């Protein structure tokens, strides 16, 4: 009954001289077998050393990985928090950039229209060069749409 109450792991260790004597006889028999079979003993020792080396290497890698993770965690966490905090500030910048790109595209289209009007005015003044200069590739003056000019042409003619 006293044994059931004591659930400590070291309570089951025998502390008598009899257990020590049994251990010594087991070691002596293992040494006798190793002397009788030297190849098996050598192979067993090499295998034991290899397994011990693999175990130590795995423990070393696990310790290195856990320490690396523990040391990098504050840095990674601060980078993540910084990116999260600055991501909301970057949205208005992207919206502003998109607005500028839309304005730039509208200005390009307006520039194309002005160039078409200028070419139409030049073609209207010089009928001999009508076949040489075409505002739109593949079109001649007969197939071109007529463009009404809202630009003052007084400064263009001399």
N, C-alpha and C. Protein backbone atom coordinates (compact mmCIF):
# COMPACT_ATOMS: atom_id res chain seq x y z
N UNK A 1 0.80 -1.20 0.00
CA UNK A 1 0.00 0.00 0.00
C UNK A 1 0.84 1.26 0.00
N UNK A 2 1.92 1.22 0.70
CA UNK A 2 2.80 2.37 0.75
C UNK A 2 3.41 2.64 -0.63
N UNK A 3 3.60 1.57 -1.39
CA UNK A 3 4.16 1.74 -2.72
C UNK A 3 3.18 2.44 -3.65
N UNK A 4 1.91 2.22 -3.53
CA UNK A 4 0.91 2.87 -4.37
C UNK A 4 0.78 4.35 -4.05
N UNK A 5 1.00 4.71 -2.83
CA UNK A 5 0.88 6.11 -2.45
C UNK A 5 2.06 6.93 -2.96
N UNK A 6 3.21 6.30 -3.07
CA UNK A 6 4.39 7.01 -3.55
C UNK A 6 4.48 6.85 -5.07
N UNK A 7 4.11 7.88 -5.79
CA UNK A 7 4.15 7.84 -7.25
C UNK A 7 5.34 8.61 -7.79
N UNK A 8 6.36 8.72 -7.02
CA UNK A 8 7.54 9.44 -7.45
C UNK A 8 8.39 8.53 -8.33
N UNK A 9 9.00 9.08 -9.40
CA UNK A 9 9.75 8.22 -10.31
C UNK A 9 10.97 7.58 -9.67
N UNK A 10 11.58 8.22 -8.72
CA UNK A 10 12.79 7.66 -8.12
C UNK A 10 12.46 6.67 -6.99
N UNK A 11 11.18 6.50 -6.68
CA UNK A 11 10.80 5.58 -5.61
C UNK A 11 10.99 4.13 -6.04
N UNK A 12 10.95 3.86 -7.35
CA UNK A 12 11.09 2.50 -7.84
C UNK A 12 12.54 2.08 -8.06
N UNK A 13 13.50 2.98 -7.92
CA UNK A 13 14.89 2.61 -8.12
C UNK A 13 15.35 1.74 -6.94
N UNK A 14 15.91 0.59 -7.27
CA UNK A 14 16.42 -0.23 -6.16
C UNK A 14 17.75 0.32 -5.66
N UNK A 15 17.87 0.42 -4.40
CA UNK A 15 19.10 0.97 -3.84
C UNK A 15 19.88 -0.09 -3.06
N UNK A 16 19.65 -1.31 -3.41
CA UNK A 16 20.36 -2.37 -2.70
C UNK A 16 21.61 -2.79 -3.46
N UNK A 17 22.49 -3.48 -2.79
CA UNK A 17 23.71 -3.97 -3.40
C UNK A 17 23.41 -5.10 -4.38
N UNK A 18 22.28 -5.74 -4.21
CA UNK A 18 21.90 -6.83 -5.11
C UNK A 18 21.68 -6.30 -6.53
N UNK A 19 21.00 -5.17 -6.67
CA UNK A 19 20.76 -4.59 -8.00
C UNK A 19 22.07 -4.14 -8.63
N UNK A 20 22.97 -3.62 -7.84
CA UNK A 20 24.27 -3.21 -8.36
C UNK A 20 25.08 -4.42 -8.82
N UNK A 21 24.98 -5.51 -8.11
CA UNK A 21 25.67 -6.75 -8.50
C UNK A 21 25.11 -7.29 -9.80
N UNK A 22 23.80 -7.23 -9.99
CA UNK A 22 23.18 -7.71 -11.24
C UNK A 22 23.66 -6.85 -12.41
N UNK A 23 23.76 -5.57 -12.22
CA UNK A 23 24.23 -4.67 -13.30
C UNK A 23 25.67 -4.99 -13.68
N UNK A 24 26.51 -5.25 -12.69
CA UNK A 24 27.92 -5.54 -12.95
C UNK A 24 28.05 -6.86 -13.72
N UNK A 25 27.25 -7.85 -13.39
CA UNK A 25 27.32 -9.12 -14.12
C UNK A 25 26.85 -8.95 -15.57
N UNK A 26 25.86 -8.09 -15.80
CA UNK A 26 25.41 -7.84 -17.18
C UNK A 26 26.51 -7.15 -17.99
N UNK A 27 27.22 -6.23 -17.37
CA UNK A 27 28.32 -5.55 -18.06
C UNK A 27 29.44 -6.54 -18.36
N UNK A 28 29.73 -7.43 -17.41
CA UNK A 28 30.78 -8.43 -17.64
C UNK A 28 30.42 -9.36 -18.78
N UNK A 29 29.16 -9.76 -18.86
CA UNK A 29 28.75 -10.66 -19.95
C UNK A 29 28.81 -9.93 -21.29
N UNK A 30 28.49 -8.64 -21.33
CA UNK A 30 28.57 -7.87 -22.57
C UNK A 30 30.02 -7.72 -23.01
N UNK A 31 30.93 -7.54 -22.07
CA UNK A 31 32.36 -7.44 -22.39
C UNK A 31 32.87 -8.79 -22.90
N UNK A 32 32.41 -9.88 -22.31
CA UNK A 32 32.84 -11.22 -22.75
C UNK A 32 32.36 -11.48 -24.18
N UNK A 33 31.14 -11.10 -24.50
CA UNK A 33 30.62 -11.28 -25.86
C UNK A 33 31.41 -10.42 -26.83
N UNK A 34 31.75 -9.19 -26.44
CA UNK A 34 32.51 -8.29 -27.31
C UNK A 34 33.90 -8.85 -27.58
N UNK A 35 34.52 -9.50 -26.59
CA UNK A 35 35.84 -10.09 -26.79
C UNK A 35 35.73 -11.32 -27.68
N UNK A 36 34.65 -12.08 -27.54
CA UNK A 36 34.48 -13.29 -28.33
C UNK A 36 34.15 -12.96 -29.79
N UNK A 37 33.46 -11.86 -30.03
CA UNK A 37 33.05 -11.47 -31.39
C UNK A 37 33.50 -10.03 -31.66
N UNK A 38 34.77 -9.82 -32.03
CA UNK A 38 35.28 -8.45 -32.18
C UNK A 38 34.66 -7.69 -33.35
N UNK A 39 34.29 -8.36 -34.43
CA UNK A 39 33.66 -7.65 -35.55
C UNK A 39 32.28 -7.11 -35.16
N UNK A 40 31.52 -7.95 -34.48
CA UNK A 40 30.19 -7.49 -34.03
C UNK A 40 30.34 -6.35 -33.03
N UNK A 41 31.31 -6.43 -32.17
CA UNK A 41 31.53 -5.38 -31.17
C UNK A 41 31.93 -4.08 -31.84
N UNK A 42 32.83 -4.18 -32.84
CA UNK A 42 33.26 -2.97 -33.56
C UNK A 42 32.08 -2.35 -34.31
N UNK A 43 31.29 -3.19 -34.97
CA UNK A 43 30.12 -2.67 -35.70
C UNK A 43 29.12 -2.04 -34.73
N UNK A 44 28.93 -2.67 -33.58
CA UNK A 44 27.99 -2.12 -32.58
C UNK A 44 28.48 -0.78 -32.04
N UNK A 45 29.77 -0.67 -31.80
CA UNK A 45 30.32 0.59 -31.28
C UNK A 45 30.20 1.69 -32.33
N UNK A 46 30.53 1.36 -33.60
CA UNK A 46 30.41 2.37 -34.67
C UNK A 46 28.95 2.79 -34.84
N UNK A 47 28.03 1.81 -34.78
CA UNK A 47 26.61 2.13 -34.89
C UNK A 47 26.15 3.02 -33.73
N UNK A 48 26.59 2.70 -32.53
CA UNK A 48 26.21 3.50 -31.37
C UNK A 48 26.76 4.92 -31.47
N UNK A 49 28.01 5.04 -31.92
CA UNK A 49 28.60 6.38 -32.09
C UNK A 49 27.85 7.16 -33.17
N UNK A 50 27.50 6.49 -34.28
CA UNK A 50 26.75 7.16 -35.35
C UNK A 50 25.38 7.62 -34.88
N UNK A 51 24.68 6.76 -34.15
CA UNK A 51 23.36 7.14 -33.63
C UNK A 51 23.47 8.29 -32.63
N UNK A 52 24.51 8.24 -31.80
CA UNK A 52 24.72 9.32 -30.85
C UNK A 52 25.02 10.63 -31.58
N UNK A 53 25.83 10.56 -32.64
CA UNK A 53 26.16 11.76 -33.41
C UNK A 53 24.91 12.33 -34.11
N UNK A 54 24.08 11.46 -34.67
CA UNK A 54 22.85 11.91 -35.32
C UNK A 54 21.92 12.56 -34.31
N UNK A 55 21.80 11.96 -33.14
CA UNK A 55 20.94 12.52 -32.10
C UNK A 55 21.43 13.89 -31.64
N UNK A 56 22.73 14.00 -31.43
CA UNK A 56 23.29 15.29 -31.01
C UNK A 56 23.11 16.33 -32.11
N UNK A 57 23.28 15.94 -33.38
CA UNK A 57 23.09 16.87 -34.50
C UNK A 57 21.64 17.34 -34.59
N UNK A 58 20.70 16.42 -34.41
CA UNK A 58 19.28 16.81 -34.43
C UNK A 58 18.95 17.77 -33.28
N UNK A 59 19.50 17.48 -32.11
CA UNK A 59 19.27 18.39 -30.98
C UNK A 59 19.89 19.76 -31.25
N UNK A 60 21.08 19.77 -31.86
CA UNK A 60 21.74 21.03 -32.19
C UNK A 60 20.91 21.84 -33.18
N UNK A 61 20.40 21.16 -34.22
CA UNK A 61 19.58 21.86 -35.22
C UNK A 61 18.28 22.39 -34.61
N UNK A 62 17.66 21.58 -33.76
CA UNK A 62 16.42 22.02 -33.12
C UNK A 62 16.68 23.22 -32.22
N UNK A 63 17.77 23.18 -31.48
CA UNK A 63 18.11 24.30 -30.60
C UNK A 63 18.42 25.55 -31.42
N UNK A 64 19.17 25.38 -32.51
CA UNK A 64 19.50 26.53 -33.36
C UNK A 64 18.24 27.13 -33.99
N UNK A 65 17.35 26.27 -34.49
CA UNK A 65 16.12 26.76 -35.11
C UNK A 65 15.23 27.47 -34.09
N UNK A 66 15.13 26.92 -32.90
CA UNK A 66 14.28 27.55 -31.89
C UNK A 66 14.88 28.88 -31.41
N UNK A 67 16.20 28.93 -31.25
CA UNK A 67 16.82 30.20 -30.85
C UNK A 67 16.72 31.24 -31.96
N UNK A 68 16.91 30.82 -33.20
CA UNK A 68 16.77 31.75 -34.33
C UNK A 68 15.36 32.29 -34.39
N UNK A 69 14.38 31.41 -34.23
CA UNK A 69 12.98 31.85 -34.24
C UNK A 69 12.71 32.82 -33.09
N UNK A 70 13.20 32.47 -31.91
CA UNK A 70 12.95 33.33 -30.74
C UNK A 70 13.63 34.69 -30.88
N UNK A 71 14.81 34.73 -31.49
CA UNK A 71 15.51 36.00 -31.64
C UNK A 71 14.96 36.83 -32.79
N UNK A 72 14.45 36.18 -33.83
CA UNK A 72 13.90 36.92 -34.97
C UNK A 72 12.45 37.32 -34.77
N UNK A 73 11.78 36.72 -33.82
CA UNK A 73 10.36 36.99 -33.62
C UNK A 73 10.06 38.47 -33.35
N UNK A 74 10.77 39.16 -32.46
CA UNK A 74 10.47 40.58 -32.26
C UNK A 74 10.68 41.42 -33.53
N UNK A 75 11.74 41.12 -34.28
CA UNK A 75 11.99 41.86 -35.52
C UNK A 75 10.89 41.61 -36.55
N UNK A 76 10.53 40.35 -36.74
CA UNK A 76 9.47 40.03 -37.70
C UNK A 76 8.14 40.63 -37.27
N UNK A 77 7.87 40.60 -35.98
CA UNK A 77 6.62 41.17 -35.48
C UNK A 77 6.60 42.69 -35.69
N UNK A 78 7.70 43.35 -35.43
CA UNK A 78 7.73 44.81 -35.63
C UNK A 78 7.63 45.15 -37.11
N UNK A 79 8.26 44.37 -37.99
CA UNK A 79 8.12 44.61 -39.43
C UNK A 79 6.68 44.42 -39.87
N UNK A 80 6.03 43.38 -39.37
CA UNK A 80 4.64 43.14 -39.74
C UNK A 80 3.75 44.28 -39.25
N UNK A 81 3.97 44.72 -38.02
CA UNK A 81 3.17 45.84 -37.50
C UNK A 81 3.42 47.11 -38.29
N UNK A 82 4.67 47.38 -38.67
CA UNK A 82 5.00 48.58 -39.44
C UNK A 82 4.34 48.53 -40.81
N UNK A 83 4.41 47.37 -41.48
CA UNK A 83 3.76 47.24 -42.79
C UNK A 83 2.25 47.42 -42.67
N UNK A 84 1.68 46.89 -41.62
CA UNK A 84 0.24 47.01 -41.41
C UNK A 84 -0.15 48.46 -41.14
N UNK A 85 0.69 49.17 -40.38
CA UNK A 85 0.39 50.57 -40.06
C UNK A 85 0.57 51.47 -41.27
N UNK A 86 1.57 51.18 -42.09
CA UNK A 86 1.82 52.03 -43.26
C UNK A 86 0.97 51.64 -44.46
N UNK A 87 0.36 50.48 -44.44
CA UNK A 87 -0.47 50.06 -45.58
C UNK A 87 -1.71 50.95 -45.69
N UNK A 88 -2.29 51.36 -44.57
CA UNK A 88 -3.46 52.23 -44.62
C UNK A 88 -3.07 53.62 -45.11
N UNK A 89 -1.86 54.05 -44.82
CA UNK A 89 -1.41 55.36 -45.29
C UNK A 89 -1.06 55.33 -46.78
N UNK A 90 -0.76 54.17 -47.32
CA UNK A 90 -0.39 54.06 -48.73
C UNK A 90 -1.61 54.11 -49.65
N UNK A 91 -2.79 53.81 -49.15
CA UNK A 91 -3.98 53.79 -49.99
C UNK A 91 -4.29 55.16 -50.59
N UNK A 92 -4.29 56.27 -49.84
CA UNK A 92 -4.55 57.56 -50.47
C UNK A 92 -3.50 57.90 -51.53
N UNK A 93 -2.28 57.49 -51.32
CA UNK A 93 -1.23 57.74 -52.31
C UNK A 93 -1.56 57.01 -53.61
N UNK A 94 -2.00 55.77 -53.51
CA UNK A 94 -2.36 55.00 -54.70
C UNK A 94 -3.57 55.62 -55.40
N UNK A 95 -4.53 56.09 -54.62
CA UNK A 95 -5.71 56.73 -55.21
C UNK A 95 -5.29 58.00 -55.94
N UNK A 96 -4.42 58.79 -55.33
CA UNK A 96 -3.93 60.01 -55.97
C UNK A 96 -3.16 59.69 -57.25
N UNK A 97 -2.35 58.65 -57.21
CA UNK A 97 -1.60 58.24 -58.39
C UNK A 97 -2.55 57.81 -59.51
N UNK A 98 -3.59 57.08 -59.18
CA UNK A 98 -4.57 56.67 -60.19
C UNK A 98 -5.28 57.88 -60.78
N UNK A 99 -5.61 58.86 -59.96
CA UNK A 99 -6.25 60.08 -60.47
C UNK A 99 -5.33 60.81 -61.43
N UNK A 100 -4.06 60.90 -61.09
CA UNK A 100 -3.10 61.57 -61.97
C UNK A 100 -2.96 60.83 -63.30
N UNK A 101 -2.97 59.52 -63.25
CA UNK A 101 -2.88 58.74 -64.48
C UNK A 101 -4.11 58.94 -65.36
N UNK A 102 -5.28 59.05 -64.75
CA UNK A 102 -6.51 59.30 -65.52
C UNK A 102 -6.44 60.68 -66.17
N UNK A 103 -5.97 61.67 -65.41
CA UNK A 103 -5.83 63.02 -65.98
C UNK A 103 -4.82 63.03 -67.13
N UNK A 104 -3.73 62.30 -66.97
CA UNK A 104 -2.71 62.23 -68.01
C UNK A 104 -3.28 61.59 -69.28
N UNK A 105 -4.08 60.56 -69.13
CA UNK A 105 -4.70 59.92 -70.29
C UNK A 105 -5.68 60.88 -70.98
N UNK A 106 -6.44 61.65 -70.19
CA UNK A 106 -7.36 62.62 -70.79
C UNK A 106 -6.59 63.70 -71.55
N UNK A 107 -5.47 64.15 -70.99
CA UNK A 107 -4.65 65.15 -71.68
C UNK A 107 -4.06 64.58 -72.97
N UNK A 108 -3.69 63.32 -72.96
CA UNK A 108 -3.16 62.70 -74.18
C UNK A 108 -4.23 62.63 -75.26
N UNK A 109 -5.45 62.29 -74.87
CA UNK A 109 -6.53 62.24 -75.85
C UNK A 109 -6.83 63.64 -76.40
N UNK A 110 -6.81 64.64 -75.52
CA UNK A 110 -7.03 66.01 -75.98
C UNK A 110 -5.91 66.45 -76.92
N UNK A 111 -4.68 66.06 -76.62
CA UNK A 111 -3.56 66.40 -77.49
C UNK A 111 -3.73 65.75 -78.85
N UNK A 112 -4.19 64.52 -78.88
CA UNK A 112 -4.44 63.85 -80.17
C UNK A 112 -5.50 64.58 -80.97
N UNK A 113 -6.54 65.06 -80.31
CA UNK A 113 -7.60 65.80 -81.01
C UNK A 113 -7.06 67.11 -81.57
N UNK A 114 -6.25 67.81 -80.79
CA UNK A 114 -5.67 69.08 -81.26
C UNK A 114 -4.76 68.82 -82.46
N UNK A 115 -3.98 67.76 -82.42
CA UNK A 115 -3.10 67.43 -83.55
C UNK A 115 -3.92 67.12 -84.80
N UNK A 116 -5.04 66.45 -84.63
CA UNK A 116 -5.91 66.16 -85.78
C UNK A 116 -6.45 67.46 -86.37
N UNK A 117 -6.84 68.40 -85.51
CA UNK A 117 -7.36 69.68 -86.00
C UNK A 117 -6.28 70.47 -86.73
N UNK A 118 -5.06 70.46 -86.19
CA UNK A 118 -3.96 71.17 -86.84
C UNK A 118 -3.68 70.56 -88.21
N UNK A 119 -3.64 69.25 -88.29
CA UNK A 119 -3.41 68.60 -89.58
C UNK A 119 -4.54 68.90 -90.56
N UNK A 120 -5.76 68.96 -90.06
CA UNK A 120 -6.89 69.27 -90.94
C UNK A 120 -6.77 70.69 -91.48
N UNK A 121 -6.34 71.64 -90.65
CA UNK A 121 -6.16 73.02 -91.09
C UNK A 121 -5.03 73.12 -92.11
N UNK A 122 -3.95 72.42 -91.88
CA UNK A 122 -2.83 72.45 -92.82
C UNK A 122 -3.25 71.85 -94.15
N UNK A 123 -3.99 70.78 -94.10
CA UNK A 123 -4.46 70.16 -95.34
C UNK A 123 -5.46 71.05 -96.08
N UNK A 124 -6.25 71.81 -95.34
CA UNK A 124 -7.22 72.70 -95.98
C UNK A 124 -6.50 73.85 -96.68
N UNK A 125 -5.39 74.31 -96.15
CA UNK A 125 -4.65 75.42 -96.76
C UNK A 125 -3.87 74.97 -97.98
N UNK A 126 -3.30 73.80 -97.98
CA UNK A 126 -2.46 73.32 -99.08
C UNK A 126 -3.09 72.08 -99.71
N UNK A 127 -3.86 72.26 -100.73
CA UNK A 127 -4.50 71.10 -101.35
C UNK A 127 -3.52 70.22 -102.10
N UNK A 128 -2.37 70.73 -102.49
CA UNK A 128 -1.41 69.92 -103.24
C UNK A 128 -0.73 68.88 -102.35
N UNK A 129 -0.67 69.14 -101.05
CA UNK A 129 -0.02 68.19 -100.14
C UNK A 129 -1.03 67.31 -99.43
N UNK A 130 -2.26 67.29 -99.89
CA UNK A 130 -3.31 66.52 -99.23
C UNK A 130 -3.03 65.03 -99.28
N UNK A 131 -2.44 64.58 -100.35
CA UNK A 131 -2.17 63.16 -100.46
C UNK A 131 -0.94 62.76 -99.65
N UNK A 132 -0.04 63.73 -99.39
CA UNK A 132 1.19 63.41 -98.67
C UNK A 132 0.97 63.30 -97.16
N UNK A 133 0.22 64.19 -96.58
CA UNK A 133 0.04 64.24 -95.13
C UNK A 133 -1.36 63.73 -94.82
N UNK A 134 -1.44 62.71 -94.03
CA UNK A 134 -2.74 62.17 -93.63
C UNK A 134 -2.80 62.16 -92.10
N UNK A 135 -3.84 62.75 -91.51
CA UNK A 135 -3.92 62.77 -90.05
C UNK A 135 -4.02 61.37 -89.45
N UNK A 136 -4.72 60.50 -90.12
CA UNK A 136 -4.85 59.13 -89.62
C UNK A 136 -4.28 58.21 -90.69
N UNK A 137 -3.38 57.32 -90.33
CA UNK A 137 -2.79 56.44 -91.33
C UNK A 137 -3.87 55.59 -92.00
N UNK A 138 -3.77 55.47 -93.31
CA UNK A 138 -4.73 54.68 -94.06
C UNK A 138 -5.93 55.47 -94.54
N UNK A 139 -6.00 56.76 -94.26
CA UNK A 139 -7.14 57.57 -94.69
C UNK A 139 -6.63 58.68 -95.59
N UNK A 140 -7.42 59.01 -96.58
CA UNK A 140 -7.12 60.19 -97.38
C UNK A 140 -8.14 61.26 -97.03
N UNK A 141 -8.09 62.38 -97.70
CA UNK A 141 -8.95 63.51 -97.34
C UNK A 141 -10.42 63.20 -97.55
N UNK A 142 -10.75 62.35 -98.51
CA UNK A 142 -12.15 62.05 -98.80
C UNK A 142 -12.78 61.20 -97.70
N UNK A 143 -12.00 60.34 -97.07
CA UNK A 143 -12.57 59.47 -96.04
C UNK A 143 -12.38 60.00 -94.64
N UNK A 144 -11.70 61.14 -94.46
CA UNK A 144 -11.47 61.70 -93.13
C UNK A 144 -12.73 62.38 -92.63
N UNK A 145 -13.00 62.24 -91.34
CA UNK A 145 -14.12 63.00 -90.78
C UNK A 145 -13.73 64.47 -90.68
N UNK A 146 -14.69 65.31 -90.95
CA UNK A 146 -14.46 66.75 -90.87
C UNK A 146 -14.46 67.16 -89.41
N UNK A 147 -13.42 67.89 -89.01
CA UNK A 147 -13.28 68.32 -87.63
C UNK A 147 -13.49 69.82 -87.58
N UNK A 148 -14.41 70.24 -86.72
CA UNK A 148 -14.65 71.66 -86.54
C UNK A 148 -13.62 72.18 -85.56
N UNK A 149 -12.97 73.26 -85.90
CA UNK A 149 -11.93 73.82 -85.06
C UNK A 149 -12.51 74.91 -84.18
N UNK A 150 -12.23 74.78 -82.89
CA UNK A 150 -12.63 75.83 -81.96
C UNK A 150 -11.43 76.69 -81.60
N UNK A 151 -10.28 76.45 -82.23
CA UNK A 151 -9.06 77.20 -81.96
C UNK A 151 -9.02 78.39 -82.92
N UNK A 152 -8.60 79.54 -82.41
CA UNK A 152 -8.47 80.73 -83.23
C UNK A 152 -7.34 80.50 -84.23
N UNK A 153 -7.65 80.55 -85.52
CA UNK A 153 -6.66 80.27 -86.56
C UNK A 153 -5.99 81.53 -87.08
N UNK A 154 -6.26 82.66 -86.47
CA UNK A 154 -5.66 83.91 -86.95
C UNK A 154 -4.15 83.89 -86.76
N UNK A 155 -3.68 83.26 -85.72
CA UNK A 155 -2.24 83.22 -85.46
C UNK A 155 -1.53 82.20 -86.32
N UNK A 156 -2.26 81.25 -86.94
CA UNK A 156 -1.63 80.21 -87.72
C UNK A 156 -1.33 80.65 -89.15
N UNK A 157 -2.15 81.52 -89.72
CA UNK A 157 -1.95 81.95 -91.12
C UNK A 157 -1.17 83.25 -91.15
N UNK A 158 -0.32 83.38 -92.16
CA UNK A 158 0.45 84.61 -92.28
C UNK A 158 0.37 85.15 -93.66
